[in-house]
Protein backbone atom coordinates (compact mmCIF):
# COMPACT_ATOMS: atom_id res chain seq x y z
CA GLU A 1 26.77 85.09 -15.83
CA GLU A 2 23.29 83.72 -16.16
CA LYS A 3 23.89 81.39 -13.21
CA SER A 4 25.23 84.25 -11.16
CA ASN A 5 22.01 86.09 -11.70
CA LEU A 6 19.96 83.25 -10.25
CA THR A 7 18.83 83.61 -6.74
CA ARG A 8 20.13 81.25 -4.13
CA LYS A 9 16.90 79.26 -3.96
CA GLU A 10 16.51 79.00 -7.74
CA ALA A 11 20.05 77.58 -7.98
CA ALA A 12 19.23 74.93 -5.38
CA ALA A 13 16.04 73.93 -7.22
CA GLN A 14 17.84 73.66 -10.55
CA LYS A 15 20.49 71.50 -8.95
CA LEU A 16 17.85 69.00 -7.90
CA LEU A 17 16.23 68.90 -11.33
CA ALA A 18 19.53 68.50 -13.15
CA ASP A 19 20.80 65.58 -11.12
CA GLU A 20 21.37 62.88 -13.77
CA ASN A 21 21.00 60.08 -11.26
CA ASP A 22 17.38 61.01 -10.46
CA ASP A 23 14.35 59.55 -12.20
CA ARG A 24 11.68 62.26 -12.45
CA ALA A 25 8.90 59.71 -12.19
CA LEU A 26 10.17 58.58 -8.82
CA MET A 27 11.89 61.71 -7.47
CA ARG A 28 10.77 62.40 -3.97
CA PHE A 29 10.99 66.11 -3.04
CA GLU A 30 11.34 66.69 0.61
CA PHE A 31 10.29 70.22 1.47
CA VAL A 32 11.62 71.72 4.63
CA GLU A 33 9.62 74.58 5.97
CA ALA A 34 11.82 77.47 7.08
CA GLN A 35 10.30 80.85 7.87
CA ASP A 36 7.11 79.97 5.92
CA GLU A 37 9.14 79.30 2.78
CA PHE A 38 10.52 76.15 1.07
CA ASP A 39 14.18 76.04 1.75
CA LEU A 40 15.33 74.33 -1.46
CA GLU A 41 18.93 75.03 -0.66
CA GLN A 42 18.65 72.95 2.48
CA LEU A 43 16.98 70.22 0.45
CA ALA A 44 19.77 70.25 -2.14
CA SER A 45 22.49 70.07 0.49
CA LYS A 46 20.78 67.27 2.46
CA PRO A 47 22.24 63.77 1.78
CA ARG A 48 19.72 61.65 -0.13
CA LYS A 49 19.53 57.87 -0.43
CA PRO A 50 20.30 56.52 -3.90
CA LEU A 51 17.29 55.49 -5.96
CA GLY A 52 18.82 52.11 -6.63
CA ASP A 53 17.11 49.96 -9.27
CA TYR A 54 13.75 51.79 -9.24
CA SER A 55 13.91 52.36 -12.99
CA LYS A 56 14.34 48.63 -13.52
CA LYS A 57 11.33 47.92 -11.35
CA ILE A 58 9.21 50.39 -13.32
CA GLN A 59 10.13 48.57 -16.50
CA GLN A 60 9.06 45.31 -14.90
CA VAL A 61 5.70 46.83 -13.95
CA TYR A 62 5.22 48.07 -17.53
CA ALA A 63 6.09 44.67 -18.93
CA ALA A 64 3.60 42.91 -16.65
CA ASN A 65 0.79 45.39 -17.50
CA PRO A 66 1.02 46.15 -21.25
CA ALA A 67 -2.57 47.45 -21.48
CA SER A 68 -1.66 50.35 -19.20
CA HIS A 69 0.67 52.02 -21.70
CA ASN A 70 0.28 50.20 -25.03
CA VAL A 71 -2.66 51.17 -27.27
CA GLU A 72 -2.79 47.88 -29.13
CA ALA A 73 -2.74 45.90 -25.92
CA ALA A 74 -5.51 48.09 -24.49
CA HIS A 75 -7.66 47.57 -27.60
CA ALA A 76 -7.09 43.81 -27.31
CA VAL A 77 -8.31 43.84 -23.70
CA VAL A 78 -11.42 45.83 -24.62
CA ALA A 79 -12.14 43.51 -27.54
CA ARG A 80 -11.81 40.49 -25.27
CA MET A 81 -14.22 42.01 -22.75
CA LYS A 82 -16.78 42.71 -25.49
CA GLN A 83 -16.44 39.17 -26.79
CA VAL A 84 -16.99 37.65 -23.34
CA ALA A 85 -19.92 39.98 -22.70
CA GLY A 86 -21.49 38.96 -25.99
CA GLU A 87 -21.07 35.29 -25.15
CA ALA A 88 -22.72 35.91 -21.79
CA LYS A 89 -25.89 37.17 -23.45
CA VAL A 90 -26.89 33.64 -24.44
CA PRO A 91 -27.00 32.20 -20.89
CA LEU A 92 -28.73 35.41 -19.76
CA ASP A 93 -31.49 34.95 -22.32
CA ASN A 94 -31.79 31.28 -21.37
CA LEU A 95 -32.14 32.20 -17.71
CA GLU A 96 -34.90 34.71 -18.50
CA ASP A 97 -36.77 31.96 -20.34
CA ALA A 98 -36.33 29.49 -17.47
CA PRO A 99 -35.68 31.49 -14.29
CA HIS A 100 -36.17 28.49 -11.99
CA SER A 101 -33.72 26.20 -13.77
CA SER A 102 -30.68 25.50 -11.61
CA GLN A 103 -28.67 24.49 -14.68
CA LYS A 104 -29.45 27.79 -16.48
CA MET A 105 -28.59 29.72 -13.34
CA LYS A 106 -25.26 27.90 -13.11
CA GLU A 107 -24.41 28.68 -16.75
CA PHE A 108 -25.26 32.35 -16.20
CA TRP A 109 -23.05 32.67 -13.13
CA GLU A 110 -20.18 31.00 -14.96
CA ALA A 111 -20.55 33.53 -17.80
CA ARG A 112 -20.65 36.32 -15.24
CA GLU A 113 -17.41 35.11 -13.70
CA ASP A 114 -15.82 35.03 -17.17
CA ILE A 115 -16.71 38.70 -17.62
CA ARG A 116 -15.32 39.53 -14.22
CA TRP A 117 -11.99 37.85 -14.83
CA SER A 118 -11.60 39.30 -18.35
CA ARG A 119 -11.22 42.81 -16.87
CA PRO A 120 -7.67 44.14 -16.80
CA PHE A 121 -6.11 43.82 -13.38
CA PHE A 122 -2.89 45.28 -12.17
CA VAL A 123 -0.31 42.51 -12.25
CA TYR A 124 2.52 42.80 -9.81
CA PRO A 125 5.74 41.55 -11.36
CA ILE A 126 7.10 38.54 -9.52
CA PRO A 127 10.85 38.85 -9.17
CA LYS A 128 12.88 35.90 -10.24
CA LYS A 129 14.65 34.15 -7.44
CA VAL A 130 18.35 34.19 -7.84
CA ALA A 131 19.85 30.95 -6.75
CA PRO A 132 22.73 31.48 -4.35
CA ALA A 133 26.08 30.61 -5.71
CA LYS A 134 27.25 27.21 -4.65
CA VAL A 135 30.35 27.25 -2.57
CA HIS A 136 32.63 24.39 -3.31
CA VAL A 137 33.71 22.72 -0.11
CA GLU A 138 36.41 20.17 -0.21
CA LYS A 139 35.33 17.02 1.58
CA GLU A 140 37.48 14.27 2.76
CA VAL A 141 36.91 11.22 0.68
CA GLU A 142 35.94 8.39 2.96
CA GLN A 143 37.04 4.98 2.01
CA MET A 144 34.01 2.90 1.11
CA VAL A 145 33.87 -0.36 2.97
CA GLU A 146 31.84 -2.95 1.13
CA LYS A 147 29.19 -4.50 3.36
CA PRO A 148 29.36 -8.29 3.35
CA LYS A 149 26.36 -10.04 1.83
CA TRP A 150 23.96 -11.59 4.34
CA ASN A 151 24.49 -15.31 4.74
CA ILE A 152 21.82 -17.51 6.27
CA ASP A 153 24.45 -20.06 7.29
CA VAL A 154 25.79 -17.62 9.92
CA SER A 155 22.37 -16.36 11.03
CA VAL A 156 20.07 -17.28 13.91
CA PHE A 157 18.25 -19.59 11.49
CA HIS A 158 21.26 -21.87 11.03
CA PRO A 159 20.31 -24.41 13.78
CA ARG A 160 17.28 -25.50 11.74
CA LYS A 161 19.60 -26.94 9.12
CA GLU A 162 21.12 -29.20 11.76
CA GLU A 163 18.07 -29.99 13.91
CA SER A 164 15.16 -30.41 11.45
CA ASP A 165 14.23 -33.74 9.85
CA ALA A 166 15.00 -32.25 6.44
CA ARG A 167 18.49 -31.13 7.50
CA ASP A 168 17.68 -28.05 5.49
CA TYR A 169 16.14 -24.61 5.86
CA TYR A 170 13.05 -25.81 3.99
CA GLU A 171 10.91 -28.93 3.96
CA THR A 172 12.24 -31.19 1.23
CA GLU A 173 10.24 -33.52 -0.95
CA GLY A 174 11.96 -36.44 0.71
CA VAL A 175 10.77 -35.38 4.16
CA ARG A 176 7.20 -34.95 2.97
CA LYS A 177 7.27 -38.38 1.35
CA ARG A 178 8.68 -40.02 4.50
CA SER A 179 6.02 -38.30 6.59
CA LEU A 180 3.27 -39.51 4.26
CA ASN A 181 4.57 -43.08 4.30
CA LEU A 182 4.90 -43.11 8.08
CA ASP A 183 1.35 -41.83 8.65
CA TRP A 184 -0.01 -44.26 6.08
CA LYS A 185 1.83 -47.20 7.62
CA ARG A 186 0.26 -46.41 10.99
CA THR A 187 -3.18 -46.16 9.42
CA VAL A 188 -3.17 -49.43 7.43
CA GLY A 189 -1.74 -51.25 10.44
CA LYS A 190 -5.13 -50.96 12.16
CA THR A 191 -7.49 -53.89 11.65
CA ARG A 192 -10.56 -51.71 12.15
CA PHE A 193 -9.48 -49.48 9.29
CA ILE A 194 -9.15 -52.45 6.90
CA LYS A 195 -12.60 -53.66 7.96
CA ALA A 196 -14.07 -50.22 7.36
CA ILE A 197 -12.69 -50.18 3.81
CA THR A 198 -14.03 -53.67 3.13
CA ARG A 199 -17.53 -52.76 4.35
CA ALA A 200 -17.67 -49.46 2.46
CA ASP A 201 -16.22 -50.48 -0.94
CA THR A 202 -18.58 -52.53 -3.13
CA GLY A 203 -15.79 -53.66 -5.44
CA VAL A 204 -13.90 -55.20 -2.52
CA GLN A 205 -17.06 -56.85 -1.20
CA TRP A 206 -17.83 -58.45 -4.55
CA GLY A 207 -14.25 -59.49 -5.10
CA GLU A 208 -13.75 -57.24 -8.11
CA ASP A 209 -10.90 -55.40 -6.35
CA SER A 210 -8.56 -56.53 -3.65
CA VAL A 211 -8.18 -54.60 -0.42
CA GLU A 212 -4.53 -53.98 -1.26
CA LYS A 213 -5.41 -52.37 -4.61
CA GLU A 214 -8.05 -50.18 -3.02
CA LEU A 215 -5.57 -49.09 -0.34
CA VAL A 216 -3.09 -48.07 -3.05
CA GLU A 217 -5.80 -46.01 -4.77
CA ILE A 218 -6.75 -44.33 -1.48
CA LYS A 219 -3.12 -43.50 -0.73
CA THR A 220 -2.72 -42.02 -4.22
CA ALA A 221 -5.77 -39.82 -3.70
CA ILE A 222 -4.45 -38.62 -0.34
CA SER A 223 -0.92 -38.03 -1.64
CA ARG A 224 -2.21 -35.57 -4.25
CA ALA A 225 -3.61 -33.39 -1.48
CA TYR A 226 -1.05 -34.25 1.17
CA PRO A 227 0.60 -30.78 1.30
CA VAL A 228 -2.81 -29.20 1.98
CA LEU A 229 -3.68 -31.77 4.65
CA TYR A 230 -0.22 -31.39 6.21
CA ASN A 231 -0.44 -27.60 6.45
CA ALA A 232 -4.07 -27.63 7.56
CA TYR A 233 -3.32 -30.09 10.35
CA TYR A 234 -0.60 -27.91 11.86
CA TYR A 235 -2.68 -24.79 11.39
CA PHE A 236 -5.57 -26.13 13.44
CA CYS A 237 -3.16 -27.52 16.02
CA VAL A 238 -1.51 -24.17 16.76
CA THR A 239 -4.78 -22.21 16.71
CA GLY A 240 -6.00 -24.18 19.69
CA THR A 241 -5.48 -23.37 23.35
CA ASP A 242 -3.31 -26.34 24.27
CA ILE A 243 0.30 -25.77 25.33
CA GLY A 244 3.36 -27.94 25.54
CA GLU A 245 3.43 -31.19 23.59
CA SER A 246 -0.36 -31.05 23.24
CA ALA A 247 0.00 -28.01 21.00
CA PHE A 248 1.17 -30.35 18.22
CA SER A 249 -2.02 -32.42 18.26
CA MET A 250 -5.50 -31.40 17.20
CA SER A 251 -7.97 -30.89 20.03
CA PHE A 252 -11.67 -31.69 19.79
CA ASN A 253 -12.55 -28.00 19.48
CA GLN A 254 -10.13 -27.58 16.59
CA TRP A 255 -11.52 -30.73 14.95
CA THR A 256 -14.94 -29.11 15.10
CA GLU A 257 -13.54 -25.91 13.57
CA PHE A 258 -11.97 -27.97 10.79
CA LEU A 259 -15.29 -29.64 10.04
CA LYS A 260 -17.18 -26.34 9.96
CA ASP A 261 -14.60 -24.58 7.79
CA SER A 262 -14.60 -27.48 5.35
CA GLU A 263 -18.41 -27.56 5.35
CA ILE A 264 -18.39 -31.35 5.73
CA PRO A 265 -21.25 -32.05 8.20
CA HIS A 266 -24.83 -31.68 7.02
CA PRO A 267 -27.68 -31.61 9.55
CA LYS A 268 -29.99 -33.68 7.35
CA SER A 269 -27.40 -36.28 6.44
CA LYS A 270 -27.95 -39.77 7.84
CA ASN A 271 -24.28 -40.69 7.90
CA CYS A 272 -22.49 -37.30 7.96
CA ASN A 273 -24.17 -35.03 10.49
CA MET A 274 -22.16 -33.35 13.24
CA ALA A 275 -22.66 -36.24 15.66
CA ASN A 276 -21.29 -38.74 13.12
CA CYS A 277 -18.27 -36.52 12.48
CA ASP A 278 -17.63 -36.09 16.20
CA ASN A 279 -17.47 -39.88 16.61
CA ILE A 280 -14.76 -40.03 13.95
CA PHE A 281 -12.53 -37.81 16.14
CA VAL A 282 -11.50 -40.82 18.23
CA VAL A 283 -9.41 -42.11 15.30
CA SER A 284 -6.31 -40.36 14.03
CA ASN A 285 -4.15 -39.63 10.99
CA PHE A 286 -5.52 -40.53 7.56
CA GLU A 287 -8.13 -42.85 9.02
CA ALA A 288 -10.16 -39.79 10.03
CA VAL A 289 -10.05 -38.38 6.49
CA VAL A 290 -11.05 -41.71 4.95
CA ARG A 291 -13.89 -42.25 7.41
CA LEU A 292 -15.15 -38.69 6.73
CA ALA A 293 -15.06 -39.43 3.01
CA ILE A 294 -17.06 -42.64 3.49
CA ALA A 295 -19.62 -40.84 5.63
CA LYS A 296 -19.92 -37.87 3.29
CA HIS A 297 -19.81 -39.42 -0.17
CA GLY A 298 -19.55 -43.20 0.29
CA MET A 299 -22.04 -45.95 1.11
CA LYS A 300 -23.82 -45.25 -2.19
CA THR A 301 -24.49 -41.60 -1.29
CA ASP A 302 -22.38 -40.46 -4.25
CA THR A 303 -20.23 -43.51 -4.87
CA ASP A 304 -19.57 -47.02 -3.58
CA ASP A 305 -15.80 -46.71 -4.13
CA VAL A 306 -13.79 -45.48 -1.12
CA SER A 307 -10.93 -43.93 -3.10
CA GLU A 308 -13.46 -41.97 -5.19
CA ALA A 309 -15.15 -40.80 -1.99
CA VAL A 310 -11.78 -39.57 -0.67
CA ASP A 311 -11.20 -37.63 -3.91
CA MET A 312 -14.66 -36.07 -3.63
CA LEU A 313 -14.13 -35.03 -0.02
CA LEU A 314 -10.78 -33.41 -0.75
CA GLU A 315 -11.82 -31.68 -3.97
CA ARG A 316 -15.33 -30.58 -2.97
CA GLU A 317 -15.08 -29.78 0.74
CA ILE A 318 -11.61 -29.59 2.26
CA ILE A 319 -9.41 -27.89 -0.36
CA PRO A 320 -11.84 -25.22 -1.64
CA ASN A 321 -13.33 -24.29 1.75
CA LEU A 322 -10.36 -24.02 4.08
CA CYS A 323 -9.13 -20.51 4.77
CA PRO A 324 -5.89 -19.45 3.03
CA GLU A 325 -4.01 -19.47 6.33
CA ALA A 326 -4.79 -23.16 6.82
CA THR A 327 -3.42 -24.17 3.43
CA GLU A 328 -0.43 -21.84 3.25
CA ASP A 329 2.85 -23.61 2.68
CA ALA A 330 5.23 -22.89 5.55
CA ASP A 331 8.15 -22.84 3.12
CA VAL A 332 6.58 -19.91 1.26
CA PHE A 333 6.44 -17.97 4.52
CA ARG A 334 10.02 -18.89 5.31
CA HIS A 335 11.26 -17.80 1.90
CA GLU A 336 9.25 -14.59 1.52
CA ARG A 337 8.93 -13.29 5.08
CA LEU A 338 11.24 -15.03 7.56
CA TYR A 339 14.69 -15.65 6.12
CA ASN A 340 16.12 -12.16 5.68
CA GLU A 341 18.74 -9.94 7.25
CA GLU A 342 16.28 -7.62 9.02
CA ASN A 343 14.63 -10.46 10.94
CA ASP A 344 18.01 -12.00 11.66
CA LEU A 345 19.26 -8.77 13.29
CA VAL A 346 16.15 -8.36 15.46
CA LEU A 347 16.03 -11.98 16.57
CA HIS A 348 19.77 -12.00 17.24
CA GLU A 349 19.41 -8.92 19.46
CA HIS A 350 16.67 -10.54 21.59
CA GLN A 351 17.54 -14.21 21.31
CA THR A 352 18.69 -14.55 24.94
CA PHE A 353 15.35 -13.30 26.21
CA LEU A 354 13.37 -15.36 23.70
CA ARG A 355 15.21 -18.57 24.58
CA ALA A 356 14.60 -17.93 28.28
CA CYS A 357 10.86 -17.52 27.62
CA TYR A 358 10.80 -20.70 25.55
CA ASN A 359 12.58 -22.73 28.20
CA LEU A 360 10.21 -21.40 30.85
CA PHE A 361 6.94 -22.07 29.05
CA LYS A 362 7.72 -25.08 26.89
């Protein structure tokens, strides 16, 4: 009966307010003007979009901003602001005492920023990202084919094992020893070399040592540094401009570079200036090293023993002064940088072209 007594518009308004799905804090009344009045009946009969999860969002906003609705949280914010403001008084007083101090000004502005950021700001709740559900997709299991391990014996580097003096991928100790003996045999076979040793070694002149004994001592001194001499020789050969067979012999320009790098010549030396060292270039192999040693440290300059002079030359000038590239062991390069599958694949792909270039320019 009471409802029947309500007017048509009052019933429509009450229907809106009684809708249990509406949240009063978010209800959006849409007023439709009809004959200068609010037609609530039309509003009630009009289809409205559901409010969705607005209530949940409001709770998230409340949770992110506790000082907006919680008294204790609000008091805590105010107390924090007072604390920061009190702490800022000290740098303010210091700035008043020293207004031109950049350090005091910096401390004051830092305190000011602390006050600014201690104010309560509205914090927008960041929704958590929901990871999409993973869809299980059946995949065909491919049969794994084990890749064969790289083998140097079937690579482009294999010919070296058959063609090199070592019959190996690396220089063996036997090859180095044969090379040393061959070079030494050529050197001691020269009469002028024997005469040079006799003139330069006091012990040989006085008969205290035989020439043969002194030659053994010289060879021992050279053998200790033979790997360095061997690598340095080939380094200075290939850094020259000669091509063909000449590329494997040291040119005069490279001899000069060797002398400068080793810091052997001295402009004020009577026996070992650049002109003296240039004259030694006409000889070859170990004879050049021995003659340099005699000129640099022998003939009573530092010693009257030729083998000692050779040791001095190697230990003081040649070994410590040559650049690392000149003394690098080629086998180290082969092991660490050359012999690997990646290089093998690249060289194998272009080997036809590379061999054609070699045959053309060799």
